[in-house]
N, C-alpha and C. Protein backbone atom coordinates (compact mmCIF):
# COMPACT_ATOMS: atom_id res chain seq x y z
N MET A 1 139.65 250.40 233.93
CA MET A 1 138.66 250.26 232.89
C MET A 1 137.43 249.56 233.48
N LYS A 2 136.27 250.08 233.21
CA LYS A 2 135.03 249.57 233.76
C LYS A 2 134.47 248.44 232.88
N LYS A 3 134.01 247.37 233.55
CA LYS A 3 133.45 246.23 232.83
C LYS A 3 132.06 246.60 232.30
N GLU A 4 131.81 246.22 231.05
CA GLU A 4 130.51 246.49 230.46
C GLU A 4 129.50 245.46 230.97
N LEU A 5 128.37 245.93 231.46
CA LEU A 5 127.35 245.04 231.99
C LEU A 5 126.50 244.48 230.86
N THR A 6 126.09 243.24 231.03
CA THR A 6 125.21 242.60 230.05
C THR A 6 123.84 242.38 230.69
N ILE A 7 122.92 241.88 229.90
CA ILE A 7 121.57 241.63 230.40
C ILE A 7 121.57 240.57 231.50
N PHE A 8 122.55 239.68 231.49
CA PHE A 8 122.60 238.60 232.46
C PHE A 8 123.25 238.99 233.78
N ASP A 9 123.77 240.20 233.89
CA ASP A 9 124.39 240.66 235.13
C ASP A 9 123.37 241.16 236.15
N ASN A 10 122.17 241.44 235.71
CA ASN A 10 121.13 241.94 236.60
C ASN A 10 120.27 240.76 237.07
N PRO A 11 120.21 240.50 238.39
CA PRO A 11 119.41 239.38 238.89
C PRO A 11 117.93 239.47 238.53
N LYS A 12 117.42 240.68 238.39
CA LYS A 12 116.02 240.86 238.02
C LYS A 12 115.76 240.32 236.61
N ASN A 13 116.71 240.52 235.72
CA ASN A 13 116.56 240.00 234.35
C ASN A 13 116.64 238.48 234.31
N ILE A 14 117.47 237.90 235.15
CA ILE A 14 117.57 236.44 235.23
C ILE A 14 116.24 235.87 235.70
N ARG A 15 115.63 236.50 236.68
CA ARG A 15 114.31 236.05 237.17
C ARG A 15 113.27 236.16 236.06
N ARG A 16 113.31 237.22 235.28
CA ARG A 16 112.36 237.38 234.17
C ARG A 16 112.54 236.28 233.14
N ILE A 17 113.78 235.94 232.82
CA ILE A 17 114.05 234.88 231.85
C ILE A 17 113.54 233.54 232.37
N HIS A 18 113.80 233.25 233.66
CA HIS A 18 113.30 232.01 234.25
C HIS A 18 111.78 231.96 234.21
N MET A 19 111.13 233.05 234.54
CA MET A 19 109.66 233.08 234.51
C MET A 19 109.13 232.91 233.09
N PHE A 20 109.79 233.51 232.10
CA PHE A 20 109.37 233.36 230.71
C PHE A 20 109.42 231.89 230.29
N PHE A 21 110.52 231.21 230.60
CA PHE A 21 110.64 229.80 230.24
C PHE A 21 109.65 228.93 231.01
N PHE A 22 109.42 229.25 232.28
CA PHE A 22 108.45 228.49 233.07
C PHE A 22 107.05 228.63 232.48
N VAL A 23 106.66 229.84 232.14
CA VAL A 23 105.33 230.07 231.55
C VAL A 23 105.23 229.37 230.19
N ALA A 24 106.28 229.43 229.39
CA ALA A 24 106.26 228.76 228.09
C ALA A 24 106.11 227.25 228.26
N LEU A 25 106.80 226.66 229.21
CA LEU A 25 106.69 225.23 229.45
C LEU A 25 105.29 224.84 229.92
N VAL A 26 104.71 225.64 230.78
CA VAL A 26 103.34 225.37 231.25
C VAL A 26 102.36 225.48 230.10
N LEU A 27 102.51 226.48 229.25
CA LEU A 27 101.62 226.64 228.10
C LEU A 27 101.73 225.46 227.14
N VAL A 28 102.91 224.98 226.91
CA VAL A 28 103.09 223.82 226.04
C VAL A 28 102.44 222.58 226.66
N LEU A 29 102.59 222.42 227.97
CA LEU A 29 101.98 221.27 228.64
C LEU A 29 100.46 221.35 228.60
N VAL A 30 99.91 222.55 228.75
CA VAL A 30 98.46 222.73 228.68
C VAL A 30 97.98 222.50 227.25
N ALA A 31 98.74 222.97 226.27
CA ALA A 31 98.35 222.80 224.86
C ALA A 31 98.33 221.33 224.47
N GLU A 32 99.11 220.52 225.14
CA GLU A 32 99.14 219.09 224.83
C GLU A 32 97.78 218.43 225.07
N ALA A 33 96.97 218.99 225.96
CA ALA A 33 95.64 218.44 226.23
C ALA A 33 94.72 218.58 225.03
N PHE A 34 95.00 219.53 224.14
CA PHE A 34 94.13 219.80 223.00
C PHE A 34 94.65 219.19 221.69
N VAL A 35 95.76 218.45 221.76
CA VAL A 35 96.35 217.85 220.57
C VAL A 35 96.26 216.33 220.69
N ASP A 36 95.81 215.70 219.63
CA ASP A 36 95.72 214.24 219.62
C ASP A 36 97.09 213.68 219.26
N MET A 37 97.72 213.03 220.22
CA MET A 37 99.07 212.51 220.03
C MET A 37 99.00 211.12 219.41
N HIS A 38 99.74 210.91 218.32
CA HIS A 38 99.81 209.61 217.66
C HIS A 38 101.25 209.13 217.73
N GLY A 39 101.57 208.36 218.76
CA GLY A 39 102.93 207.88 218.93
C GLY A 39 103.12 206.48 218.39
N GLU A 40 104.34 206.11 218.23
CA GLU A 40 104.68 204.76 217.78
C GLU A 40 104.38 203.72 218.87
N PHE A 41 104.58 204.12 220.11
CA PHE A 41 104.40 203.21 221.24
C PHE A 41 103.26 203.71 222.12
N HIS A 42 102.67 202.80 222.90
CA HIS A 42 101.53 203.15 223.74
C HIS A 42 101.88 204.22 224.77
N MET A 43 103.06 204.15 225.34
CA MET A 43 103.41 205.10 226.41
C MET A 43 103.54 206.54 225.89
N GLU A 44 103.74 206.72 224.61
CA GLU A 44 103.83 208.07 224.05
C GLU A 44 102.50 208.81 224.08
N SER A 45 101.41 208.10 224.26
CA SER A 45 100.10 208.75 224.29
C SER A 45 99.74 209.27 225.68
N PHE A 46 100.55 208.96 226.69
CA PHE A 46 100.28 209.48 228.05
C PHE A 46 100.48 210.98 228.09
N TYR A 47 99.64 211.64 228.89
CA TYR A 47 99.72 213.09 229.03
C TYR A 47 101.03 213.47 229.71
N GLY A 48 101.77 214.37 229.10
CA GLY A 48 103.03 214.85 229.67
C GLY A 48 104.21 213.93 229.45
N PHE A 49 104.06 212.92 228.61
CA PHE A 49 105.15 211.97 228.39
C PHE A 49 106.41 212.66 227.89
N TYR A 50 106.27 213.54 226.91
CA TYR A 50 107.45 214.18 226.33
C TYR A 50 108.13 215.14 227.31
N ALA A 51 107.36 215.75 228.19
CA ALA A 51 107.95 216.61 229.22
C ALA A 51 108.77 215.78 230.20
N VAL A 52 108.21 214.66 230.63
CA VAL A 52 108.93 213.78 231.56
C VAL A 52 110.15 213.15 230.88
N TYR A 53 109.97 212.71 229.65
CA TYR A 53 111.07 212.11 228.89
C TYR A 53 112.21 213.12 228.69
N GLY A 54 111.88 214.34 228.35
CA GLY A 54 112.89 215.38 228.17
C GLY A 54 113.62 215.69 229.46
N PHE A 55 112.87 215.75 230.57
CA PHE A 55 113.50 216.04 231.86
C PHE A 55 114.46 214.92 232.27
N ILE A 56 114.01 213.68 232.12
CA ILE A 56 114.86 212.54 232.47
C ILE A 56 116.10 212.52 231.57
N SER A 57 115.94 212.81 230.30
CA SER A 57 117.08 212.84 229.38
C SER A 57 118.08 213.92 229.78
N TYR A 58 117.57 215.10 230.15
CA TYR A 58 118.43 216.21 230.55
C TYR A 58 119.22 215.87 231.81
N VAL A 59 118.54 215.32 232.81
CA VAL A 59 119.20 214.97 234.06
C VAL A 59 120.24 213.87 233.82
N SER A 60 119.90 212.91 232.96
CA SER A 60 120.85 211.83 232.64
C SER A 60 122.08 212.38 231.93
N LEU A 61 121.88 213.32 231.03
CA LEU A 61 123.00 213.92 230.31
C LEU A 61 123.95 214.63 231.28
N ILE A 62 123.41 215.35 232.24
CA ILE A 62 124.23 216.05 233.23
C ILE A 62 124.99 215.04 234.09
N ALA A 63 124.31 213.97 234.52
CA ALA A 63 124.96 212.95 235.36
C ALA A 63 126.09 212.26 234.60
N ILE A 64 125.87 211.94 233.34
CA ILE A 64 126.91 211.30 232.53
C ILE A 64 128.08 212.25 232.31
N ALA A 65 127.79 213.54 232.10
CA ALA A 65 128.87 214.52 231.91
C ALA A 65 129.72 214.64 233.17
N LYS A 66 129.09 214.62 234.34
CA LYS A 66 129.86 214.69 235.59
C LYS A 66 130.73 213.46 235.76
N LEU A 67 130.21 212.30 235.40
CA LEU A 67 130.99 211.07 235.50
C LEU A 67 132.16 211.10 234.53
N LEU A 68 131.92 211.53 233.30
CA LEU A 68 133.01 211.62 232.32
C LEU A 68 134.07 212.61 232.74
N ARG A 69 133.68 213.69 233.40
CA ARG A 69 134.66 214.67 233.87
C ARG A 69 135.61 214.03 234.87
N LYS A 70 135.08 213.21 235.76
CA LYS A 70 135.94 212.53 236.74
C LYS A 70 136.88 211.54 236.05
N ILE A 71 136.40 210.89 235.01
CA ILE A 71 137.21 209.90 234.32
C ILE A 71 138.28 210.56 233.45
N LEU A 72 137.92 211.61 232.73
CA LEU A 72 138.81 212.21 231.74
C LEU A 72 139.69 213.35 232.26
N MET A 73 139.40 213.88 233.42
CA MET A 73 140.12 215.05 233.93
C MET A 73 141.57 214.69 234.26
N ARG A 74 142.47 215.58 233.87
CA ARG A 74 143.89 215.41 234.14
C ARG A 74 144.34 216.43 235.18
N LYS A 75 145.50 216.16 235.78
CA LYS A 75 146.04 217.10 236.75
C LYS A 75 146.39 218.41 236.06
N GLU A 76 146.49 219.47 236.84
CA GLU A 76 146.74 220.81 236.30
C GLU A 76 148.06 220.88 235.54
N ASP A 77 149.06 220.16 236.00
CA ASP A 77 150.39 220.22 235.36
C ASP A 77 150.61 219.04 234.40
N TYR A 78 149.57 218.53 233.82
CA TYR A 78 149.66 217.34 232.94
C TYR A 78 150.56 217.57 231.75
N TYR A 79 150.51 218.77 231.13
CA TYR A 79 151.28 219.04 229.93
C TYR A 79 152.64 219.67 230.20
N ASP A 80 152.98 219.91 231.46
CA ASP A 80 154.30 220.46 231.79
C ASP A 80 155.36 219.38 231.62
N ASP A 81 156.58 219.83 231.42
CA ASP A 81 157.70 218.89 231.24
C ASP A 81 158.04 218.16 232.52
């Protein structure tokens, strides 16, 4: 039986998706120059603050998940008698 291919099986489509997200992120960062930001704290008014904050949050989440995996992971035969 032949496996059905999806849109994500073609490397060219993956590159297109990456480029779409990259262009969208750049457009949002450029649009921030035309919007007057009113934050609660002074640092929120810096250009690109939310992009940097989001990136740091994402990287921190991945690092914490890797640490938790090492702490919580059980051996393969954990539930065997």
